[in-house]
N, C-alpha and C. Protein backbone atom coordinates (compact mmCIF):
# COMPACT_ATOMS: atom_id res chain seq x y z
N UNK A 1 109.19 51.14 90.85
CA UNK A 1 110.58 50.85 90.88
C UNK A 1 111.00 50.80 92.34
N UNK A 2 111.92 49.94 92.66
CA UNK A 2 112.48 49.85 94.00
C UNK A 2 113.97 50.19 93.94
N UNK A 3 114.46 50.85 94.96
CA UNK A 3 115.88 51.18 95.04
C UNK A 3 116.33 51.01 96.48
N UNK A 4 117.58 50.61 96.66
CA UNK A 4 118.18 50.48 97.99
C UNK A 4 119.34 51.46 98.06
N UNK A 5 119.36 52.26 99.13
CA UNK A 5 120.43 53.23 99.33
C UNK A 5 120.88 53.19 100.78
N UNK A 6 121.99 53.86 101.06
CA UNK A 6 122.47 54.02 102.42
C UNK A 6 122.12 55.43 102.86
N UNK A 7 121.41 55.56 104.01
CA UNK A 7 121.00 56.89 104.46
C UNK A 7 122.13 57.57 105.22
N UNK A 8 121.86 58.77 105.70
CA UNK A 8 122.86 59.58 106.39
C UNK A 8 123.43 58.86 107.61
N UNK A 9 122.60 58.07 108.29
CA UNK A 9 123.04 57.34 109.48
C UNK A 9 123.75 56.03 109.18
N UNK A 10 123.91 55.70 107.90
CA UNK A 10 124.59 54.47 107.52
C UNK A 10 123.68 53.26 107.44
N UNK A 11 122.35 53.45 107.56
CA UNK A 11 121.40 52.35 107.46
C UNK A 11 120.96 52.15 106.02
N UNK A 12 120.71 50.90 105.66
CA UNK A 12 120.16 50.62 104.35
C UNK A 12 118.69 51.02 104.34
N UNK A 13 118.25 51.65 103.26
CA UNK A 13 116.86 52.07 103.12
C UNK A 13 116.32 51.51 101.81
N UNK A 14 115.10 51.00 101.86
CA UNK A 14 114.41 50.52 100.67
C UNK A 14 113.39 51.58 100.27
N UNK A 15 113.45 52.03 99.03
CA UNK A 15 112.52 53.03 98.52
C UNK A 15 111.65 52.40 97.44
N UNK A 16 110.39 52.72 97.48
CA UNK A 16 109.45 52.31 96.43
C UNK A 16 108.97 53.58 95.75
N UNK A 17 109.23 53.68 94.45
CA UNK A 17 108.83 54.84 93.67
C UNK A 17 107.78 54.41 92.66
N UNK A 18 106.73 55.19 92.54
CA UNK A 18 105.65 54.84 91.61
C UNK A 18 105.12 56.12 90.97
N UNK A 19 104.59 55.97 89.77
CA UNK A 19 103.97 57.09 89.08
C UNK A 19 102.58 56.67 88.61
N UNK A 20 101.61 57.51 88.92
CA UNK A 20 100.23 57.28 88.48
C UNK A 20 99.92 58.30 87.39
N UNK A 21 99.29 57.84 86.32
CA UNK A 21 98.98 58.70 85.18
C UNK A 21 97.47 58.83 85.06
N UNK A 22 96.98 60.08 84.94
CA UNK A 22 95.56 60.34 84.75
C UNK A 22 95.39 61.36 83.63
N UNK A 23 94.19 61.50 83.13
CA UNK A 23 93.91 62.51 82.10
C UNK A 23 94.20 63.90 82.68
N UNK A 24 94.77 64.77 81.88
CA UNK A 24 95.08 66.11 82.37
C UNK A 24 95.85 66.91 81.35
N UNK A 25 96.75 67.78 81.85
CA UNK A 25 97.47 68.70 80.97
C UNK A 25 98.99 68.63 81.11
N UNK A 26 99.53 67.57 81.69
CA UNK A 26 100.98 67.40 81.77
C UNK A 26 101.61 67.84 83.08
N UNK A 27 100.81 68.14 84.10
CA UNK A 27 101.39 68.60 85.36
C UNK A 27 101.88 67.42 86.21
N UNK A 28 102.78 67.72 87.14
CA UNK A 28 103.34 66.72 88.05
C UNK A 28 102.99 67.09 89.48
N UNK A 29 102.50 66.11 90.23
CA UNK A 29 102.27 66.25 91.67
C UNK A 29 103.05 65.13 92.34
N UNK A 30 103.56 65.38 93.53
CA UNK A 30 104.30 64.35 94.26
C UNK A 30 103.74 64.21 95.67
N UNK A 31 103.91 63.04 96.25
CA UNK A 31 103.53 62.81 97.64
C UNK A 31 104.47 61.78 98.23
N UNK A 32 104.57 61.79 99.55
CA UNK A 32 105.43 60.84 100.24
C UNK A 32 106.89 61.22 100.26
N UNK A 33 107.22 62.44 99.80
CA UNK A 33 108.61 62.85 99.74
C UNK A 33 109.01 63.75 100.90
N UNK A 34 108.04 64.17 101.69
CA UNK A 34 108.34 65.05 102.82
C UNK A 34 108.99 66.34 102.34
N UNK A 35 110.03 66.75 103.03
CA UNK A 35 110.72 67.99 102.67
C UNK A 35 111.94 67.73 101.79
N UNK A 36 112.02 66.55 101.19
CA UNK A 36 113.18 66.17 100.38
C UNK A 36 113.07 66.81 99.00
N UNK A 37 113.63 68.02 98.88
CA UNK A 37 113.55 68.73 97.60
C UNK A 37 114.36 68.03 96.52
N UNK A 38 115.41 67.31 96.89
CA UNK A 38 116.20 66.56 95.91
C UNK A 38 115.39 65.47 95.25
N UNK A 39 114.56 64.78 96.03
CA UNK A 39 113.71 63.72 95.49
C UNK A 39 112.65 64.31 94.57
N UNK A 40 112.06 65.43 94.96
CA UNK A 40 111.07 66.09 94.11
C UNK A 40 111.70 66.52 92.79
N UNK A 41 112.91 67.06 92.87
CA UNK A 41 113.62 67.48 91.66
C UNK A 41 113.94 66.28 90.77
N UNK A 42 114.29 65.14 91.37
CA UNK A 42 114.58 63.93 90.59
C UNK A 42 113.33 63.46 89.84
N UNK A 43 112.16 63.49 90.50
CA UNK A 43 110.91 63.14 89.81
C UNK A 43 110.67 64.10 88.64
N UNK A 44 110.90 65.40 88.87
CA UNK A 44 110.68 66.41 87.83
C UNK A 44 111.62 66.18 86.65
N UNK A 45 112.89 65.92 86.91
CA UNK A 45 113.85 65.68 85.84
C UNK A 45 113.47 64.43 85.05
N UNK A 46 113.05 63.38 85.75
CA UNK A 46 112.62 62.16 85.08
C UNK A 46 111.43 62.40 84.17
N UNK A 47 110.45 63.16 84.65
CA UNK A 47 109.27 63.47 83.84
C UNK A 47 109.65 64.34 82.64
N UNK A 48 110.52 65.32 82.85
CA UNK A 48 110.97 66.17 81.74
C UNK A 48 111.68 65.34 80.67
N UNK A 49 112.49 64.38 81.10
CA UNK A 49 113.19 63.49 80.15
C UNK A 49 112.18 62.65 79.38
N UNK A 50 111.17 62.13 80.10
CA UNK A 50 110.12 61.34 79.44
C UNK A 50 109.39 62.19 78.41
N UNK A 51 109.00 63.41 78.80
CA UNK A 51 108.27 64.29 77.88
C UNK A 51 109.10 64.60 76.63
N UNK A 52 110.40 64.81 76.82
CA UNK A 52 111.27 65.13 75.69
C UNK A 52 111.44 63.96 74.73
N UNK A 53 111.27 62.73 75.24
CA UNK A 53 111.51 61.54 74.43
C UNK A 53 110.27 60.69 74.22
N UNK A 54 109.09 61.23 74.50
CA UNK A 54 107.86 60.43 74.44
C UNK A 54 107.62 59.84 73.05
N UNK A 55 108.04 60.53 72.00
CA UNK A 55 107.82 60.00 70.66
C UNK A 55 108.65 58.75 70.40
N UNK A 56 109.73 58.57 71.15
CA UNK A 56 110.54 57.34 71.02
C UNK A 56 109.88 56.18 71.75
N UNK A 57 109.06 56.49 72.75
CA UNK A 57 108.35 55.45 73.50
C UNK A 57 107.16 54.96 72.68
N UNK A 58 106.36 55.88 72.18
CA UNK A 58 105.20 55.53 71.38
C UNK A 58 104.79 56.73 70.54
N UNK A 59 104.47 56.48 69.28
CA UNK A 59 104.04 57.57 68.42
C UNK A 59 102.58 57.95 68.65
N UNK A 60 101.88 57.16 69.45
CA UNK A 60 100.44 57.41 69.64
C UNK A 60 100.10 58.09 70.97
N UNK A 61 101.10 58.48 71.76
CA UNK A 61 100.79 59.13 73.04
C UNK A 61 101.33 60.55 73.05
N UNK A 62 100.68 61.39 73.81
CA UNK A 62 101.07 62.78 74.00
C UNK A 62 101.26 63.00 75.50
N UNK A 63 102.47 63.37 75.92
CA UNK A 63 102.75 63.55 77.34
C UNK A 63 101.90 64.66 77.95
N UNK A 64 101.56 65.68 77.17
CA UNK A 64 100.77 66.80 77.66
C UNK A 64 99.31 66.49 77.86
N UNK A 65 98.86 65.30 77.48
CA UNK A 65 97.46 64.92 77.64
C UNK A 65 97.19 64.24 78.98
N UNK A 66 98.21 64.14 79.82
CA UNK A 66 98.08 63.41 81.09
C UNK A 66 98.72 64.18 82.23
N UNK A 67 98.22 63.97 83.45
CA UNK A 67 98.86 64.45 84.66
C UNK A 67 99.59 63.28 85.29
N UNK A 68 100.64 63.58 86.03
CA UNK A 68 101.48 62.55 86.63
C UNK A 68 101.57 62.78 88.14
N UNK A 69 101.41 61.72 88.90
CA UNK A 69 101.49 61.79 90.36
C UNK A 69 102.58 60.82 90.80
N UNK A 70 103.70 61.37 91.25
CA UNK A 70 104.81 60.55 91.72
C UNK A 70 104.70 60.33 93.22
N UNK A 71 104.84 59.08 93.66
CA UNK A 71 104.76 58.76 95.08
C UNK A 71 106.01 58.00 95.51
N UNK A 72 106.34 58.14 96.77
CA UNK A 72 107.49 57.45 97.32
C UNK A 72 107.18 56.99 98.73
N UNK A 73 107.71 55.84 99.08
CA UNK A 73 107.66 55.38 100.46
C UNK A 73 108.98 54.70 100.75
N UNK A 74 109.38 54.68 102.01
CA UNK A 74 110.66 54.08 102.34
C UNK A 74 110.57 53.36 103.67
N UNK A 75 111.50 52.45 103.88
CA UNK A 75 111.60 51.75 105.14
C UNK A 75 113.06 51.35 105.37
N UNK A 76 113.43 51.24 106.63
CA UNK A 76 114.78 50.84 106.98
C UNK A 76 114.89 49.32 106.87
N UNK A 77 115.99 48.87 106.31
CA UNK A 77 116.22 47.43 106.16
C UNK A 77 117.18 47.00 107.26
N UNK A 78 116.80 45.98 108.01
CA UNK A 78 117.68 45.41 109.03
C UNK A 78 118.45 44.26 108.40
N UNK A 79 119.76 44.31 108.48
CA UNK A 79 120.60 43.29 107.88
C UNK A 79 121.39 42.59 108.97
N UNK A 80 121.34 41.27 108.99
CA UNK A 80 122.16 40.51 109.94
C UNK A 80 123.50 40.20 109.31
N UNK A 81 124.53 40.29 110.11
CA UNK A 81 125.85 39.91 109.64
C UNK A 81 125.96 38.39 109.60
N UNK A 82 126.64 37.91 108.61
CA UNK A 82 126.87 36.47 108.52
C UNK A 82 127.81 36.05 109.66
N UNK A 83 127.58 34.85 110.23
CA UNK A 83 128.45 34.41 111.35
C UNK A 83 129.87 34.14 110.92
């Protein structure tokens, strides 16, 4: 997923969020988030929501049978003003 936000300095930032799923026991690991505890918490809340509603997604999957690795990367977007 990609998202565009305005950072603290007023610059536009492009974020790329991805989740990798592997065999496991339902744990979540994150990388690329630095010390941003809010972003880590957002990944956790999203995974908890998915786990709570997994039967609505597919009756043949079990969220606890997989581990999840959430990654994030960002870059500043330079925008030119129209003349």
